[in-house]
Amino acid sequence: MIKNLIVNGCSFTDDRVVHTWATELKKKYPEIDYHNIASGGAGNDYICNSTIDFLEKHSFNPNNTLVLIMWSGTGRKDLRISGEWWYHLREESYYYGRNFNDSEYYVFSGGLTNSWTTNKTTKKMFDWLYRLSDPTTLCQNSLLNFLNLENYLKVNQYQYKCTSYVNYWDLLEQSNFNAGDYSIGYFCKDYSLYQNYNFSNWFFVNEQKDCLAEFAHQLGELDTTGHPTEICHKKFAEDVVIPMIKNFITLN
């Protein structure tokens, strides 16, 4: 029986401001201890590292703990920073990261929307990181985050499921419709780690690996910022996530 639910992702998952698909899980299963550590603007470095940090700081029993990950954009960069800089940046930039127990601090670039360029401090922090990157290295970095976190969860015997906020697995398209994030399928198709990647613990909307963004687009439920509406989040939870979790809980 699942007693603990840990959820991580970006603004498509973070429910501190708006209700997301994760909020629906909290309402559906009030008896389960719910921990949403997602953060708007976060990238895959944050999602990987903060999940590991969070699990290391708590004494969850892997046998009754389920981890759900909705991976973020491939074009995003996250930096772990000192507490001093975190408190400084939170006064200046929207994309400062969450902290837990006053020990882990992050700042987010926000990705290819170039929001990091609007702040002089974050512009200095991320400028050379993006100059030294290209679509292939950005996609490879995300893929390595996926592998790192999955390996940690497997070694520690946590039950988990992953998805991505958008379909970036197309072998023919360089980027997706939603935010222009680079496609891992396109840029990593000759990369052995991608060719051998195991999707058995992932879930998608359909066989084409469409995700929440495509689900919202098909429903006409993307808002002006490119995010799913609360109506869409509720339907995505009911049609895609809850059936999977229900079966998962029944098996345990």
C-alpha atoms as a PDB file:
ATOM      1  CA  MET A   1       0.000   0.000   0.000  1.00  0.00           C
ATOM      2  CA  ILE A   2       1.356   3.421  -0.968  1.00  0.00           C
ATOM      3  CA  LYS A   3       1.696   5.768   2.017  1.00  0.00           C
ATOM      4  CA  ASN A   4       3.999   8.444   0.561  1.00  0.00           C
ATOM      5  CA  LEU A   5       3.746  10.239  -2.762  1.00  0.00           C
ATOM      6  CA  ILE A   6       6.648  12.437  -3.918  1.00  0.00           C
ATOM      7  CA  VAL A   7       6.063  14.537  -7.039  1.00  0.00           C
ATOM      8  CA  ASN A   8       8.603  16.689  -8.884  1.00  0.00           C
ATOM      9  CA  GLY A   9       8.683  18.739 -12.054  1.00  0.00           C
ATOM     10  CA  CYS A  10       8.425  22.301 -13.346  1.00  0.00           C
ATOM     11  CA  SER A  11       5.452  24.698 -13.563  1.00  0.00           C
ATOM     12  CA  PHE A  12       3.396  21.938 -15.211  1.00  0.00           C
ATOM     13  CA  THR A  13       3.549  20.161 -11.828  1.00  0.00           C
ATOM     14  CA  ASP A  14       4.134  22.872  -9.203  1.00  0.00           C
ATOM     15  CA  ASP A  15       0.808  23.507  -7.430  1.00  0.00           C
ATOM     16  CA  ARG A  16       1.746  26.330  -5.084  1.00  0.00           C
ATOM     17  CA  VAL A  17       0.019  28.922  -7.300  1.00  0.00           C
ATOM     18  CA  VAL A  18      -2.435  26.962  -9.467  1.00  0.00           C
ATOM     19  CA  HIS A  19      -3.952  23.512  -9.241  1.00  0.00           C
ATOM     20  CA  THR A  20      -2.108  21.009 -11.421  1.00  0.00           C
ATOM     21  CA  TRP A  21      -2.510  17.316 -12.208  1.00  0.00           C
ATOM     22  CA  ALA A  22      -0.561  16.640  -9.017  1.00  0.00           C
ATOM     23  CA  THR A  23      -3.155  18.523  -6.954  1.00  0.00           C
ATOM     24  CA  GLU A  24      -5.795  16.124  -8.246  1.00  0.00           C
ATOM     25  CA  LEU A  25      -3.786  13.206  -6.880  1.00  0.00           C
ATOM     26  CA  LYS A  26      -3.672  14.853  -3.475  1.00  0.00           C
ATOM     27  CA  LYS A  27      -7.453  15.230  -3.528  1.00  0.00           C
ATOM     28  CA  LYS A  28      -8.044  11.722  -4.852  1.00  0.00           C
ATOM     29  CA  TYR A  29      -5.859  10.062  -2.229  1.00  0.00           C
ATOM     30  CA  PRO A  30      -6.065  12.187   0.947  1.00  0.00           C
ATOM     31  CA  GLU A  31      -4.856   9.261   3.049  1.00  0.00           C
ATOM     32  CA  ILE A  32      -1.446   9.351   1.305  1.00  0.00           C
ATOM     33  CA  ASP A  33       1.250  11.747   2.540  1.00  0.00           C
ATOM     34  CA  TYR A  34       1.762  14.104  -0.392  1.00  0.00           C
ATOM     35  CA  HIS A  35       5.020  15.961  -1.095  1.00  0.00           C
ATOM     36  CA  ASN A  36       5.183  18.208  -4.160  1.00  0.00           C
ATOM     37  CA  ILE A  37       8.718  19.571  -4.590  1.00  0.00           C
ATOM     38  CA  ALA A  38       8.207  20.840  -8.147  1.00  0.00           C
ATOM     39  CA  SER A  39       9.161  24.418  -8.937  1.00  0.00           C
ATOM     40  CA  GLY A  40       8.114  26.754 -11.735  1.00  0.00           C
ATOM     41  CA  GLY A  41      11.026  27.473 -14.076  1.00  0.00           C
ATOM     42  CA  ALA A  42      12.951  24.397 -12.971  1.00  0.00           C
ATOM     43  CA  GLY A  43      14.969  22.308 -15.373  1.00  0.00           C
ATOM     44  CA  ASN A  44      16.092  18.717 -15.297  1.00  0.00           C
ATOM     45  CA  ASP A  45      19.225  19.319 -13.229  1.00  0.00           C
ATOM     46  CA  TYR A  46      17.036  20.575 -10.400  1.00  0.00           C
ATOM     47  CA  ILE A  47      14.475  17.786 -10.769  1.00  0.00           C
ATOM     48  CA  CYS A  48      17.138  15.091 -10.639  1.00  0.00           C
ATOM     49  CA  ASN A  49      19.190  16.546  -7.785  1.00  0.00           C
ATOM     50  CA  SER A  50      16.360  17.842  -5.611  1.00  0.00           C
ATOM     51  CA  THR A  51      14.544  14.500  -5.767  1.00  0.00           C
ATOM     52  CA  ILE A  52      17.652  12.709  -4.535  1.00  0.00           C
ATOM     53  CA  ASP A  53      18.279  15.375  -1.866  1.00  0.00           C
ATOM     54  CA  PHE A  54      14.684  15.145  -0.650  1.00  0.00           C
ATOM     55  CA  LEU A  55      14.649  11.360  -0.440  1.00  0.00           C
ATOM     56  CA  GLU A  56      18.014  11.332   1.329  1.00  0.00           C
ATOM     57  CA  LYS A  57      16.708  13.737   3.995  1.00  0.00           C
ATOM     58  CA  HIS A  58      13.621  11.684   4.799  1.00  0.00           C
ATOM     59  CA  SER A  59      13.237   8.165   6.092  1.00  0.00           C
ATOM     60  CA  PHE A  60      10.644   6.981   3.582  1.00  0.00           C
ATOM     61  CA  ASN A  61      10.117   3.277   3.272  1.00  0.00           C
ATOM     62  CA  PRO A  62      10.710   2.500  -0.428  1.00  0.00           C
ATOM     63  CA  ASN A  63       8.131  -0.284  -0.237  1.00  0.00           C
ATOM     64  CA  ASN A  64       5.281   2.154   0.420  1.00  0.00           C
ATOM     65  CA  THR A  65       6.624   5.220  -1.401  1.00  0.00           C
ATOM     66  CA  LEU A  66       5.814   6.219  -4.970  1.00  0.00           C
ATOM     67  CA  VAL A  67       7.863   8.842  -6.853  1.00  0.00           C
ATOM     68  CA  LEU A  68       6.281  10.595  -9.854  1.00  0.00           C
ATOM     69  CA  ILE A  69       8.492  12.720 -12.091  1.00  0.00           C
ATOM     70  CA  MET A  70       7.384  15.031 -14.903  1.00  0.00           C
ATOM     71  CA  TRP A  71      10.637  16.076 -16.567  1.00  0.00           C
ATOM     72  CA  SER A  72      11.054  19.643 -17.776  1.00  0.00           C
ATOM     73  CA  GLY A  73      12.536  21.374 -20.818  1.00  0.00           C
ATOM     74  CA  THR A  74      15.806  20.305 -22.380  1.00  0.00           C
ATOM     75  CA  GLY A  75      16.921  23.901 -22.885  1.00  0.00           C
ATOM     76  CA  ARG A  76      16.916  24.793 -19.193  1.00  0.00           C
ATOM     77  CA  LYS A  77      19.908  25.104 -16.907  1.00  0.00           C
ATOM     78  CA  ASP A  78      19.852  25.077 -13.111  1.00  0.00           C
ATOM     79  CA  LEU A  79      22.630  25.983 -10.707  1.00  0.00           C
ATOM     80  CA  ARG A  80      22.989  24.970  -7.088  1.00  0.00           C
ATOM     81  CA  ILE A  81      24.078  28.107  -5.250  1.00  0.00           C
ATOM     82  CA  SER A  82      24.869  29.297  -1.753  1.00  0.00           C
ATOM     83  CA  GLY A  83      22.180  30.410   0.659  1.00  0.00           C
ATOM     84  CA  GLU A  84      23.566  33.945   0.593  1.00  0.00           C
ATOM     85  CA  TRP A  85      23.116  34.213  -3.165  1.00  0.00           C
ATOM     86  CA  TRP A  86      19.702  32.554  -3.015  1.00  0.00           C
ATOM     87  CA  TYR A  87      18.363  35.227  -0.664  1.00  0.00           C
ATOM     88  CA  HIS A  88      19.921  37.912  -2.862  1.00  0.00           C
ATOM     89  CA  LEU A  89      18.445  36.577  -6.094  1.00  0.00           C
ATOM     90  CA  ARG A  90      14.953  35.989  -4.723  1.00  0.00           C
ATOM     91  CA  GLU A  91      14.634  39.765  -4.441  1.00  0.00           C
ATOM     92  CA  GLU A  92      15.628  40.245  -8.085  1.00  0.00           C
ATOM     93  CA  SER A  93      14.660  37.257 -10.209  1.00  0.00           C
ATOM     94  CA  TYR A  94      11.502  35.217 -10.685  1.00  0.00           C
ATOM     95  CA  TYR A  95      13.494  32.089 -11.415  1.00  0.00           C
ATOM     96  CA  TYR A  96      15.098  31.457  -8.081  1.00  0.00           C
ATOM     97  CA  GLY A  97      14.741  27.877  -6.937  1.00  0.00           C
ATOM     98  CA  ARG A  98      13.059  26.281  -3.990  1.00  0.00           C
ATOM     99  CA  ASN A  99      15.044  25.333  -0.926  1.00  0.00           C
ATOM    100  CA  PHE A 100      14.429  22.574   1.573  1.00  0.00           C
ATOM    101  CA  ASN A 101      15.547  22.634   5.194  1.00  0.00           C
ATOM    102  CA  ASP A 102      17.618  25.716   4.379  1.00  0.00           C
ATOM    103  CA  SER A 103      20.312  23.583   2.806  1.00  0.00           C
ATOM    104  CA  GLU A 104      19.661  23.236  -0.940  1.00  0.00           C
ATOM    105  CA  TYR A 105      19.403  26.377  -3.038  1.00  0.00           C
ATOM    106  CA  TYR A 106      18.961  26.721  -6.794  1.00  0.00           C
ATOM    107  CA  VAL A 107      18.618  29.399  -9.435  1.00  0.00           C
ATOM    108  CA  PHE A 108      16.970  28.581 -12.779  1.00  0.00           C
ATOM    109  CA  SER A 109      17.672  29.968 -16.228  1.00  0.00           C
ATOM    110  CA  GLY A 110      14.082  29.354 -17.311  1.00  0.00           C
ATOM    111  CA  GLY A 111      15.367  27.942 -20.591  1.00  0.00           C
ATOM    112  CA  LEU A 112      15.007  29.067 -24.170  1.00  0.00           C
ATOM    113  CA  THR A 113      12.550  31.829 -23.307  1.00  0.00           C
ATOM    114  CA  ASN A 114      15.748  33.689 -22.287  1.00  0.00           C
ATOM    115  CA  SER A 115      14.190  35.010 -19.082  1.00  0.00           C
ATOM    116  CA  TRP A 116      17.628  34.775 -17.488  1.00  0.00           C
ATOM    117  CA  THR A 117      18.794  37.663 -19.704  1.00  0.00           C
ATOM    118  CA  THR A 118      16.404  40.125 -18.042  1.00  0.00           C
ATOM    119  CA  ASN A 119      18.379  40.122 -14.794  1.00  0.00           C
ATOM    120  CA  LYS A 120      21.992  41.319 -14.760  1.00  0.00           C
ATOM    121  CA  THR A 121      23.112  38.746 -12.196  1.00  0.00           C
ATOM    122  CA  THR A 122      21.513  35.722 -13.837  1.00  0.00           C
ATOM    123  CA  LYS A 123      22.707  36.963 -17.224  1.00  0.00           C
ATOM    124  CA  LYS A 124      26.292  36.797 -15.969  1.00  0.00           C
ATOM    125  CA  MET A 125      25.693  33.393 -14.399  1.00  0.00           C
ATOM    126  CA  PHE A 126      24.199  31.676 -17.442  1.00  0.00           C
ATOM    127  CA  ASP A 127      25.716  33.524 -20.393  1.00  0.00           C
ATOM    128  CA  TRP A 128      28.826  31.381 -20.801  1.00  0.00           C
ATOM    129  CA  LEU A 129      26.974  28.185 -19.938  1.00  0.00           C
ATOM    130  CA  TYR A 130      24.748  28.715 -22.970  1.00  0.00           C
ATOM    131  CA  ARG A 131      27.619  29.867 -25.159  1.00  0.00           C
ATOM    132  CA  LEU A 132      29.392  26.595 -24.397  1.00  0.00           C
ATOM    133  CA  SER A 133      26.280  24.515 -25.117  1.00  0.00           C
ATOM    134  CA  ASP A 134      24.482  23.409 -28.247  1.00  0.00           C
ATOM    135  CA  PRO A 135      21.232  21.475 -28.797  1.00  0.00           C
ATOM    136  CA  THR A 136      23.018  18.122 -28.687  1.00  0.00           C
ATOM    137  CA  THR A 137      24.808  18.727 -25.387  1.00  0.00           C
ATOM    138  CA  LEU A 138      21.631  20.139 -23.815  1.00  0.00           C
ATOM    139  CA  CYS A 139      19.673  17.045 -24.827  1.00  0.00           C
ATOM    140  CA  GLN A 140      22.447  14.721 -23.684  1.00  0.00           C
ATOM    141  CA  ASN A 141      22.524  16.463 -20.306  1.00  0.00           C
ATOM    142  CA  SER A 142      18.778  15.910 -19.837  1.00  0.00           C
ATOM    143  CA  LEU A 143      19.105  12.270 -20.822  1.00  0.00           C
ATOM    144  CA  LEU A 144      21.894  11.813 -18.260  1.00  0.00           C
ATOM    145  CA  ASN A 145      19.673  13.370 -15.585  1.00  0.00           C
ATOM    146  CA  PHE A 146      16.962  10.854 -16.414  1.00  0.00           C
ATOM    147  CA  LEU A 147      19.423   8.000 -16.135  1.00  0.00           C
ATOM    148  CA  ASN A 148      21.026   9.297 -12.941  1.00  0.00           C
ATOM    149  CA  LEU A 149      17.735   9.657 -11.103  1.00  0.00           C
ATOM    150  CA  GLU A 150      16.329   6.358 -12.339  1.00  0.00           C
ATOM    151  CA  ASN A 151      19.505   4.567 -11.282  1.00  0.00           C
ATOM    152  CA  TYR A 152      19.272   6.125  -7.813  1.00  0.00           C
ATOM    153  CA  LEU A 153      15.619   5.115  -7.471  1.00  0.00           C
ATOM    154  CA  LYS A 154      16.294   1.573  -8.656  1.00  0.00           C
ATOM    155  CA  VAL A 155      19.318   1.078  -6.393  1.00  0.00           C
ATOM    156  CA  ASN A 156      17.306   2.295  -3.409  1.00  0.00           C
ATOM    157  CA  GLN A 157      14.297   0.213  -4.498  1.00  0.00           C
ATOM    158  CA  TYR A 158      11.857   3.117  -4.809  1.00  0.00           C
ATOM    159  CA  GLN A 159       8.725   2.627  -6.870  1.00  0.00           C
ATOM    160  CA  TYR A 160       8.527   5.317  -9.536  1.00  0.00           C
ATOM    161  CA  LYS A 161       7.044   6.498 -12.800  1.00  0.00           C
ATOM    162  CA  CYS A 162       8.326   9.200 -15.160  1.00  0.00           C
ATOM    163  CA  THR A 163       6.927  11.285 -17.967  1.00  0.00           C
ATOM    164  CA  SER A 164       7.941  14.528 -19.658  1.00  0.00           C
ATOM    165  CA  TYR A 165       5.951  17.734 -19.802  1.00  0.00           C
ATOM    166  CA  VAL A 166       6.085  17.668 -23.608  1.00  0.00           C
ATOM    167  CA  ASN A 167       6.936  15.184 -26.351  1.00  0.00           C
ATOM    168  CA  TYR A 168      10.626  15.686 -27.117  1.00  0.00           C
ATOM    169  CA  TRP A 169      11.186  12.214 -28.534  1.00  0.00           C
ATOM    170  CA  ASP A 170      10.446  12.844 -32.215  1.00  0.00           C
ATOM    171  CA  LEU A 171      13.224  11.551 -34.465  1.00  0.00           C
ATOM    172  CA  LEU A 172      12.374  13.971 -37.287  1.00  0.00           C
ATOM    173  CA  GLU A 173      11.581  17.285 -35.562  1.00  0.00           C
ATOM    174  CA  GLN A 174      14.316  19.392 -33.929  1.00  0.00           C
ATOM    175  CA  SER A 175      11.961  20.973 -31.413  1.00  0.00           C
ATOM    176  CA  ASN A 176       8.421  20.688 -30.079  1.00  0.00           C
ATOM    177  CA  PHE A 177       5.531  23.038 -30.693  1.00  0.00           C
ATOM    178  CA  ASN A 178       5.117  24.271 -27.124  1.00  0.00           C
ATOM    179  CA  ALA A 179       8.282  26.124 -26.144  1.00  0.00           C
ATOM    180  CA  GLY A 180      10.781  25.238 -28.818  1.00  0.00           C
ATOM    181  CA  ASP A 181      12.604  22.834 -26.507  1.00  0.00           C
ATOM    182  CA  TYR A 182      15.091  20.698 -28.374  1.00  0.00           C
ATOM    183  CA  SER A 183      14.068  17.146 -29.197  1.00  0.00           C
ATOM    184  CA  ILE A 184      16.090  14.413 -27.508  1.00  0.00           C
ATOM    185  CA  GLY A 185      14.899  11.958 -30.136  1.00  0.00           C
ATOM    186  CA  TYR A 186      16.287  14.130 -32.927  1.00  0.00           C
ATOM    187  CA  PHE A 187      19.587  15.248 -31.423  1.00  0.00           C
ATOM    188  CA  CYS A 188      20.414  12.032 -29.545  1.00  0.00           C
ATOM    189  CA  LYS A 189      19.227   9.426 -32.033  1.00  0.00           C
ATOM    190  CA  ASP A 190      22.840   8.357 -32.675  1.00  0.00           C
ATOM    191  CA  TYR A 191      23.749   8.486 -28.980  1.00  0.00           C
ATOM    192  CA  SER A 192      24.092   4.982 -27.525  1.00  0.00           C
ATOM    193  CA  LEU A 193      22.525   5.944 -24.186  1.00  0.00           C
ATOM    194  CA  TYR A 194      19.398   7.057 -26.031  1.00  0.00           C
ATOM    195  CA  GLN A 195      19.331   4.044 -28.342  1.00  0.00           C
ATOM    196  CA  ASN A 196      19.437   1.742 -25.308  1.00  0.00           C
ATOM    197  CA  TYR A 197      17.163   3.817 -23.096  1.00  0.00           C
ATOM    198  CA  ASN A 198      14.511   1.823 -21.247  1.00  0.00           C
ATOM    199  CA  PHE A 199      11.072   3.491 -21.165  1.00  0.00           C
ATOM    200  CA  SER A 200       9.423   0.718 -19.154  1.00  0.00           C
ATOM    201  CA  ASN A 201       8.887   3.001 -16.132  1.00  0.00           C
ATOM    202  CA  TRP A 202       7.557   5.907 -18.188  1.00  0.00           C
ATOM    203  CA  PHE A 203       3.979   6.825 -19.030  1.00  0.00           C
ATOM    204  CA  PHE A 204       2.603   8.868 -21.924  1.00  0.00           C
ATOM    205  CA  VAL A 205      -0.731   9.883 -23.380  1.00  0.00           C
ATOM    206  CA  ASN A 206      -0.312   7.655 -26.430  1.00  0.00           C
ATOM    207  CA  GLU A 207       2.158   5.496 -28.339  1.00  0.00           C
ATOM    208  CA  GLN A 208       3.674   8.578 -29.970  1.00  0.00           C
ATOM    209  CA  LYS A 209       4.919   9.623 -26.503  1.00  0.00           C
ATOM    210  CA  ASP A 210       2.703  12.703 -26.370  1.00  0.00           C
ATOM    211  CA  CYS A 211       2.498  14.280 -22.925  1.00  0.00           C
ATOM    212  CA  LEU A 212       0.579  16.890 -20.965  1.00  0.00           C
ATOM    213  CA  ALA A 213       1.431  19.726 -23.378  1.00  0.00           C
ATOM    214  CA  GLU A 214       0.064  17.840 -26.386  1.00  0.00           C
ATOM    215  CA  PHE A 215      -2.913  16.673 -24.324  1.00  0.00           C
ATOM    216  CA  ALA A 216      -3.743  20.319 -23.534  1.00  0.00           C
ATOM    217  CA  HIS A 217      -3.175  21.421 -27.120  1.00  0.00           C
ATOM    218  CA  GLN A 218      -5.565  18.791 -28.463  1.00  0.00           C
ATOM    219  CA  LEU A 219      -8.220  19.888 -25.966  1.00  0.00           C
ATOM    220  CA  GLY A 220      -7.687  23.561 -26.749  1.00  0.00           C
ATOM    221  CA  GLU A 221      -6.822  24.072 -23.081  1.00  0.00           C
ATOM    222  CA  LEU A 222      -3.467  25.872 -23.221  1.00  0.00           C
ATOM    223  CA  ASP A 223      -3.564  29.327 -21.661  1.00  0.00           C
ATOM    224  CA  THR A 224      -1.861  32.450 -23.019  1.00  0.00           C
ATOM    225  CA  THR A 225       1.413  31.517 -21.301  1.00  0.00           C
ATOM    226  CA  GLY A 226       1.531  28.096 -22.945  1.00  0.00           C
ATOM    227  CA  HIS A 227       0.519  26.246 -19.780  1.00  0.00           C
ATOM    228  CA  PRO A 228      -2.387  23.809 -19.433  1.00  0.00           C
ATOM    229  CA  THR A 229      -5.515  25.232 -17.838  1.00  0.00           C
ATOM    230  CA  GLU A 230      -6.799  23.820 -14.554  1.00  0.00           C
ATOM    231  CA  ILE A 231      -9.574  22.100 -16.524  1.00  0.00           C
ATOM    232  CA  CYS A 232      -6.908  20.307 -18.544  1.00  0.00           C
ATOM    233  CA  HIS A 233      -4.871  19.359 -15.465  1.00  0.00           C
ATOM    234  CA  LYS A 234      -7.959  17.778 -13.927  1.00  0.00           C
ATOM    235  CA  LYS A 235      -8.770  15.803 -17.077  1.00  0.00           C
ATOM    236  CA  PHE A 236      -5.140  14.698 -17.511  1.00  0.00           C
ATOM    237  CA  ALA A 237      -5.109  13.416 -13.933  1.00  0.00           C
ATOM    238  CA  GLU A 238      -8.429  11.623 -14.342  1.00  0.00           C
ATOM    239  CA  ASP A 239      -7.759  10.124 -17.783  1.00  0.00           C
ATOM    240  CA  VAL A 240      -4.027   9.382 -17.640  1.00  0.00           C
ATOM    241  CA  VAL A 241      -2.410   9.523 -14.201  1.00  0.00           C
ATOM    242  CA  ILE A 242      -5.024   8.274 -11.740  1.00  0.00           C
ATOM    243  CA  PRO A 243      -5.815   5.085 -13.705  1.00  0.00           C
ATOM    244  CA  MET A 244      -2.098   4.292 -13.715  1.00  0.00           C
ATOM    245  CA  ILE A 245      -1.697   5.004 -10.002  1.00  0.00           C
ATOM    246  CA  LYS A 246      -4.851   3.097  -9.127  1.00  0.00           C
ATOM    247  CA  ASN A 247      -3.501   0.012 -10.833  1.00  0.00           C
ATOM    248  CA  PHE A 248      -0.105   0.591  -9.290  1.00  0.00           C
ATOM    249  CA  ILE A 249      -1.554   0.815  -5.781  1.00  0.00           C
ATOM    250  CA  THR A 250      -3.704  -2.253  -6.336  1.00  0.00           C
ATOM    251  CA  LEU A 251      -0.624  -4.261  -7.302  1.00  0.00           C
ATOM    252  CA  ASN A 252       1.102  -3.262  -4.101  1.00  0.00           C
END
